[in-house]
Amino acid sequence: MLLPHAVSRLRTARLARSTTQFLARGGPHGGRCAGCRLLPSYCICAFRPLVTTRAAICLLMSDVEPLKPSNTGWLIADIVPDTFAFAWARTEVDPALLLLLADPQWQPYVVFPGEFVAPERVVNDILRSENGLERGGEKPAQENISKRPLFILLDATWSEARKIFKKSPYLDHFPVLSLQVAQISRYRLRRSKRDEHFCTAEVAALCMELAGETHAAHILEAYLDVYTEHYLRAKQQQKLHLDDEIHQRLLSLSSRQK
């Protein structure tokens, strides 16, 4: 059995602090699988892939986000071993987060729309150089990148994410990665008023693609599709079709690990 990952541990800690029971809106009711948060008859644990990536993900999560069954940061942590998760609070910072950000093996990027940021902080690609870090230019071979990318994702509603960005001064000296995306979100578990708003797992997949982790990006997209299908069918009490295109795509990708 796989050990609890970063988001699972954060959820356990958040539940331990709760004085009232958290009741998720919508979705299946009753006992849920501890591994995937779905009803046991709709469990996706057997489909859970695992990839090895050079890039890593750091999730800054709003207070109740780890408790939501529809949270997709959990899916990232399922797949990417180097996923870190921290609860965000305005008045205090987890010392472990500051240690992570200061670790010289990482090049942190705060993933956030560039339109809300001073232009001098914004990058649209990861920083690459044969001798240190610099912006722009042709992309050299992967081995020439001196630091591992650490993508900091603000896992929250849009209004909460803007507050996290503005009120986290320890992030101010890192470049802001503004993703340039033509597609619209395929996420179906929560509603957004804007098509260009992506769920956290979709953003992580885009970051992995940018970092040259194409296989991990495709795996994450496929795993999100499978989770969404199981979640919605559990909510509607519908039969699953495990041999459909969604499931077969994930199984095919999982069998072609790097």
Protein backbone atom coordinates (compact mmCIF):
# COMPACT_ATOMS: atom_id res chain seq x y z
CA MET A 1 0.00 0.00 0.00
CA LEU A 2 1.31 3.45 -0.94
CA LEU A 3 2.11 5.80 1.91
CA PRO A 4 -0.01 8.96 2.38
CA HIS A 5 1.31 11.76 0.17
CA ALA A 6 1.69 15.45 0.98
CA VAL A 7 -1.93 16.47 0.31
CA SER A 8 -3.27 13.45 2.19
CA ARG A 9 -1.15 14.36 5.22
CA LEU A 10 -2.30 17.98 5.00
CA ARG A 11 -5.93 16.84 4.88
CA THR A 12 -5.42 14.65 7.97
CA ALA A 13 -3.86 17.57 9.85
CA ARG A 14 -6.70 19.89 8.82
CA LEU A 15 -9.35 17.40 9.95
CA ALA A 16 -7.57 17.07 13.30
CA ARG A 17 -7.97 20.84 13.83
CA SER A 18 -11.65 20.89 12.86
CA THR A 19 -14.27 21.45 15.52
CA THR A 20 -17.13 20.53 13.16
CA GLN A 21 -17.46 17.85 10.52
CA PHE A 22 -16.68 18.95 6.95
CA LEU A 23 -19.57 18.04 4.63
CA ALA A 24 -18.76 18.16 0.93
CA ARG A 25 -21.44 19.66 -1.30
CA GLY A 26 -22.68 17.35 -4.05
CA GLY A 27 -20.86 14.21 -5.04
CA PRO A 28 -21.36 10.80 -3.47
CA HIS A 29 -22.41 10.44 0.15
CA GLY A 30 -21.29 7.69 2.49
CA GLY A 31 -17.92 6.13 3.22
CA ARG A 32 -15.15 7.12 0.83
CA CYS A 33 -11.94 5.38 -0.15
CA ALA A 34 -9.05 6.83 1.84
CA GLY A 35 -6.83 6.63 -1.23
CA CYS A 36 -8.93 8.48 -3.81
CA ARG A 37 -11.84 10.03 -1.83
CA LEU A 38 -14.49 8.28 -3.97
CA LEU A 39 -17.07 5.68 -3.00
CA PRO A 40 -15.37 2.26 -2.89
CA SER A 41 -17.41 1.02 -5.86
CA TYR A 42 -16.06 3.94 -7.95
CA CYS A 43 -12.50 3.79 -6.61
CA ILE A 44 -9.68 4.72 -9.03
CA CYS A 45 -6.74 3.51 -6.92
CA ALA A 46 -6.14 0.60 -9.32
CA PHE A 47 -5.61 3.15 -12.10
CA ARG A 48 -3.18 5.32 -10.16
CA PRO A 49 0.03 5.82 -12.14
CA LEU A 50 3.37 7.02 -10.84
CA VAL A 51 5.97 8.94 -12.82
CA THR A 52 9.48 10.16 -12.14
CA THR A 53 9.98 13.84 -12.92
CA ARG A 54 12.79 16.32 -12.60
CA ALA A 55 10.30 19.12 -12.03
CA ALA A 56 8.38 19.37 -8.78
CA ILE A 57 5.13 20.91 -7.58
CA CYS A 58 4.59 22.99 -4.44
CA LEU A 59 0.94 23.52 -3.51
CA LEU A 60 -0.05 26.47 -1.34
CA MET A 61 -3.56 25.47 -0.30
CA SER A 62 -6.32 27.59 1.14
CA ASP A 63 -7.83 26.48 4.44
CA VAL A 64 -10.55 24.06 3.30
CA GLU A 65 -9.12 23.05 -0.08
CA PRO A 66 -7.51 19.80 1.20
CA LEU A 67 -10.93 18.72 2.51
CA LYS A 68 -12.78 19.00 -0.79
CA PRO A 69 -13.25 15.71 -2.68
CA SER A 70 -13.11 17.69 -5.93
CA ASN A 71 -9.66 19.09 -5.12
CA THR A 72 -7.25 18.13 -7.92
CA GLY A 73 -4.05 18.95 -6.06
CA TRP A 74 -4.57 15.49 -4.58
CA LEU A 75 -4.28 13.99 -8.07
CA ILE A 76 -0.94 15.74 -8.64
CA ALA A 77 0.41 14.30 -5.39
CA ASP A 78 -0.87 10.86 -6.45
CA ILE A 79 1.33 10.93 -9.53
CA VAL A 80 4.32 13.22 -8.94
CA PRO A 81 6.48 12.00 -6.01
CA ASP A 82 8.07 15.43 -5.53
CA THR A 83 4.83 17.17 -4.63
CA PHE A 84 4.88 19.39 -1.55
CA ALA A 85 1.74 20.78 0.08
CA PHE A 86 1.39 23.54 2.66
CA ALA A 87 -1.59 25.23 4.27
CA TRP A 88 -1.60 28.96 3.59
CA ALA A 89 -2.27 31.45 6.37
CA ARG A 90 -1.91 35.23 6.26
CA THR A 91 -0.31 35.58 9.69
CA GLU A 92 2.19 32.71 9.69
CA VAL A 93 4.37 30.68 7.34
CA ASP A 94 5.27 27.03 7.70
CA PRO A 95 9.06 26.93 8.34
CA ALA A 96 9.26 23.82 6.14
CA LEU A 97 7.97 25.89 3.21
CA LEU A 98 10.68 28.50 3.69
CA LEU A 99 13.33 25.77 3.85
CA LEU A 100 12.01 24.26 0.62
CA LEU A 101 12.08 27.61 -1.18
CA ALA A 102 15.63 28.25 0.02
CA ASP A 103 16.96 24.85 -1.08
CA PRO A 104 19.56 25.56 -3.81
CA GLN A 105 18.54 22.54 -5.91
CA TRP A 106 15.28 24.29 -6.87
CA GLN A 107 14.38 27.18 -9.15
CA PRO A 108 10.96 28.23 -7.83
CA TYR A 109 8.30 29.78 -10.08
CA VAL A 110 5.06 31.28 -8.82
CA VAL A 111 2.45 30.28 -11.39
CA PHE A 112 0.07 33.22 -11.78
CA PRO A 113 -1.42 35.33 -14.58
CA GLY A 114 1.10 37.93 -15.74
CA GLU A 115 -1.54 40.63 -16.21
CA PHE A 116 -1.66 41.10 -12.43
CA VAL A 117 2.12 41.26 -11.92
CA ALA A 118 4.87 43.81 -12.50
CA PRO A 119 6.27 43.06 -15.99
CA GLU A 120 9.85 42.63 -14.79
CA ARG A 121 8.84 39.58 -12.74
CA VAL A 122 6.96 37.78 -15.52
CA VAL A 123 8.40 34.89 -17.52
CA ASN A 124 6.62 32.73 -20.08
CA ASP A 125 9.11 29.87 -20.06
CA ILE A 126 11.37 28.24 -17.53
CA LEU A 127 14.77 29.88 -17.05
CA ARG A 128 17.48 28.04 -18.92
CA SER A 129 21.22 28.45 -19.42
CA GLU A 130 24.32 26.34 -19.86
CA ASN A 131 26.14 28.39 -17.22
CA GLY A 132 23.61 29.55 -14.66
CA LEU A 133 20.13 30.91 -15.23
CA GLU A 134 19.03 33.46 -17.76
CA ARG A 135 15.91 34.35 -19.72
CA GLY A 136 15.16 33.87 -23.37
CA GLY A 137 17.31 32.37 -26.10
CA GLU A 138 17.17 28.93 -27.64
CA LYS A 139 16.34 26.04 -25.36
CA PRO A 140 19.51 24.04 -24.65
CA ALA A 141 19.60 20.34 -23.91
CA GLN A 142 17.82 19.25 -20.72
CA GLU A 143 21.08 18.39 -18.95
CA ASN A 144 22.22 22.00 -19.22
CA ILE A 145 19.49 23.26 -16.92
CA SER A 146 21.30 23.82 -13.64
CA LYS A 147 18.36 23.83 -11.24
CA ARG A 148 15.24 21.73 -11.00
CA PRO A 149 12.00 23.63 -11.63
CA LEU A 150 9.70 23.97 -8.62
CA PHE A 151 6.28 25.20 -9.69
CA ILE A 152 4.38 26.96 -6.89
CA LEU A 153 0.63 26.58 -7.48
CA LEU A 154 -1.91 28.55 -5.46
CA ASP A 155 -4.55 25.90 -4.85
CA ALA A 156 -7.64 27.93 -4.05
CA THR A 157 -10.59 29.69 -5.62
CA TRP A 158 -9.62 32.59 -7.88
CA SER A 159 -10.42 35.23 -5.25
CA GLU A 160 -8.49 33.30 -2.60
CA ALA A 161 -5.55 32.78 -4.96
CA ARG A 162 -5.29 36.52 -5.58
CA LYS A 163 -5.20 37.10 -1.83
CA ILE A 164 -2.51 34.44 -1.36
CA PHE A 165 -0.42 36.04 -4.09
CA LYS A 166 -0.72 39.55 -2.64
CA LYS A 167 -0.17 38.61 0.98
CA SER A 168 2.78 36.22 0.72
CA PRO A 169 5.88 38.45 0.72
CA TYR A 170 8.20 35.43 0.84
CA LEU A 171 7.20 34.77 -2.79
CA ASP A 172 8.02 38.28 -4.00
CA HIS A 173 11.57 37.59 -5.19
CA PHE A 174 10.67 34.62 -7.39
CA PRO A 175 9.80 34.86 -11.08
CA VAL A 176 6.12 34.64 -11.96
CA LEU A 177 5.37 32.08 -14.64
CA SER A 178 2.48 33.29 -16.76
CA LEU A 179 1.16 30.42 -18.88
CA GLN A 180 0.19 31.22 -22.46
CA VAL A 181 -2.61 28.81 -23.25
CA ALA A 182 -4.96 28.75 -26.23
CA GLN A 183 -7.16 25.89 -25.02
CA ILE A 184 -10.05 26.16 -22.57
CA SER A 185 -10.46 24.16 -19.38
CA ARG A 186 -12.05 20.71 -19.58
CA TYR A 187 -12.62 20.57 -15.83
CA ARG A 188 -16.22 19.60 -14.97
CA LEU A 189 -16.33 19.25 -11.19
CA ARG A 190 -16.62 22.94 -10.30
CA ARG A 191 -17.94 25.90 -12.23
CA SER A 192 -15.96 28.95 -13.24
CA LYS A 193 -17.21 32.09 -14.88
CA ARG A 194 -14.14 32.22 -17.13
CA ASP A 195 -13.06 29.55 -19.61
CA GLU A 196 -9.40 30.44 -19.14
CA HIS A 197 -9.49 29.43 -15.48
CA PHE A 198 -7.94 25.99 -15.11
CA CYS A 199 -8.12 23.55 -12.24
CA THR A 200 -4.92 22.91 -10.32
CA ALA A 201 -4.17 19.56 -12.01
CA GLU A 202 -4.55 21.16 -15.45
CA VAL A 203 -2.12 23.92 -14.48
CA ALA A 204 0.36 21.32 -13.21
CA ALA A 205 0.13 19.45 -16.52
CA LEU A 206 0.83 22.67 -18.44
CA CYS A 207 3.86 23.34 -16.22
CA MET A 208 5.19 19.83 -16.73
CA GLU A 209 4.85 20.22 -20.49
CA LEU A 210 6.77 23.49 -20.33
CA ALA A 211 9.52 21.79 -18.34
CA GLY A 212 9.90 19.08 -20.98
CA GLU A 213 8.04 16.50 -18.87
CA THR A 214 5.64 15.61 -21.69
CA HIS A 215 4.88 12.09 -20.50
CA ALA A 216 4.04 13.29 -16.99
CA ALA A 217 1.81 16.01 -18.45
CA HIS A 218 -0.15 13.50 -20.54
CA ILE A 219 -0.45 11.08 -17.63
CA LEU A 220 -1.79 13.84 -15.38
CA GLU A 221 -4.35 14.92 -17.97
CA ALA A 222 -5.53 11.34 -18.46
CA TYR A 223 -5.70 10.67 -14.73
CA LEU A 224 -7.78 13.81 -14.23
CA ASP A 225 -10.17 12.62 -16.94
CA VAL A 226 -10.58 9.23 -15.24
CA TYR A 227 -11.10 10.82 -11.82
CA THR A 228 -13.70 13.21 -13.24
CA GLU A 229 -15.56 10.37 -14.93
CA HIS A 230 -15.68 8.29 -11.72
CA TYR A 231 -16.64 11.29 -9.60
CA LEU A 232 -19.56 12.30 -11.83
CA ARG A 233 -20.82 8.75 -12.31
CA ALA A 234 -20.74 8.21 -8.54
CA LYS A 235 -22.66 11.47 -8.06
CA GLN A 236 -25.29 10.36 -10.59
CA GLN A 237 -25.19 6.69 -9.51
CA GLN A 238 -24.36 5.55 -13.02
CA LYS A 239 -22.52 2.46 -14.20
CA LEU A 240 -18.83 2.74 -15.04
CA HIS A 241 -17.38 1.56 -18.34
CA LEU A 242 -13.81 0.62 -17.56
CA ASP A 243 -13.01 -0.33 -21.16
CA ASP A 244 -13.90 3.06 -22.63
CA GLU A 245 -11.47 5.45 -24.33
CA ILE A 246 -10.76 7.47 -21.17
CA HIS A 247 -9.63 4.47 -19.14
CA GLN A 248 -7.73 2.85 -22.00
CA ARG A 249 -5.79 6.04 -22.67
CA LEU A 250 -4.61 6.20 -19.06
CA LEU A 251 -3.67 2.50 -19.05
CA SER A 252 -1.77 2.90 -22.31
CA LEU A 253 0.17 5.90 -21.03
CA SER A 254 0.88 4.17 -17.72
CA SER A 255 2.38 1.19 -19.55
CA ARG A 256 4.83 3.47 -21.38
CA GLN A 257 6.71 4.87 -18.40
CA LYS A 258 10.02 6.60 -19.08
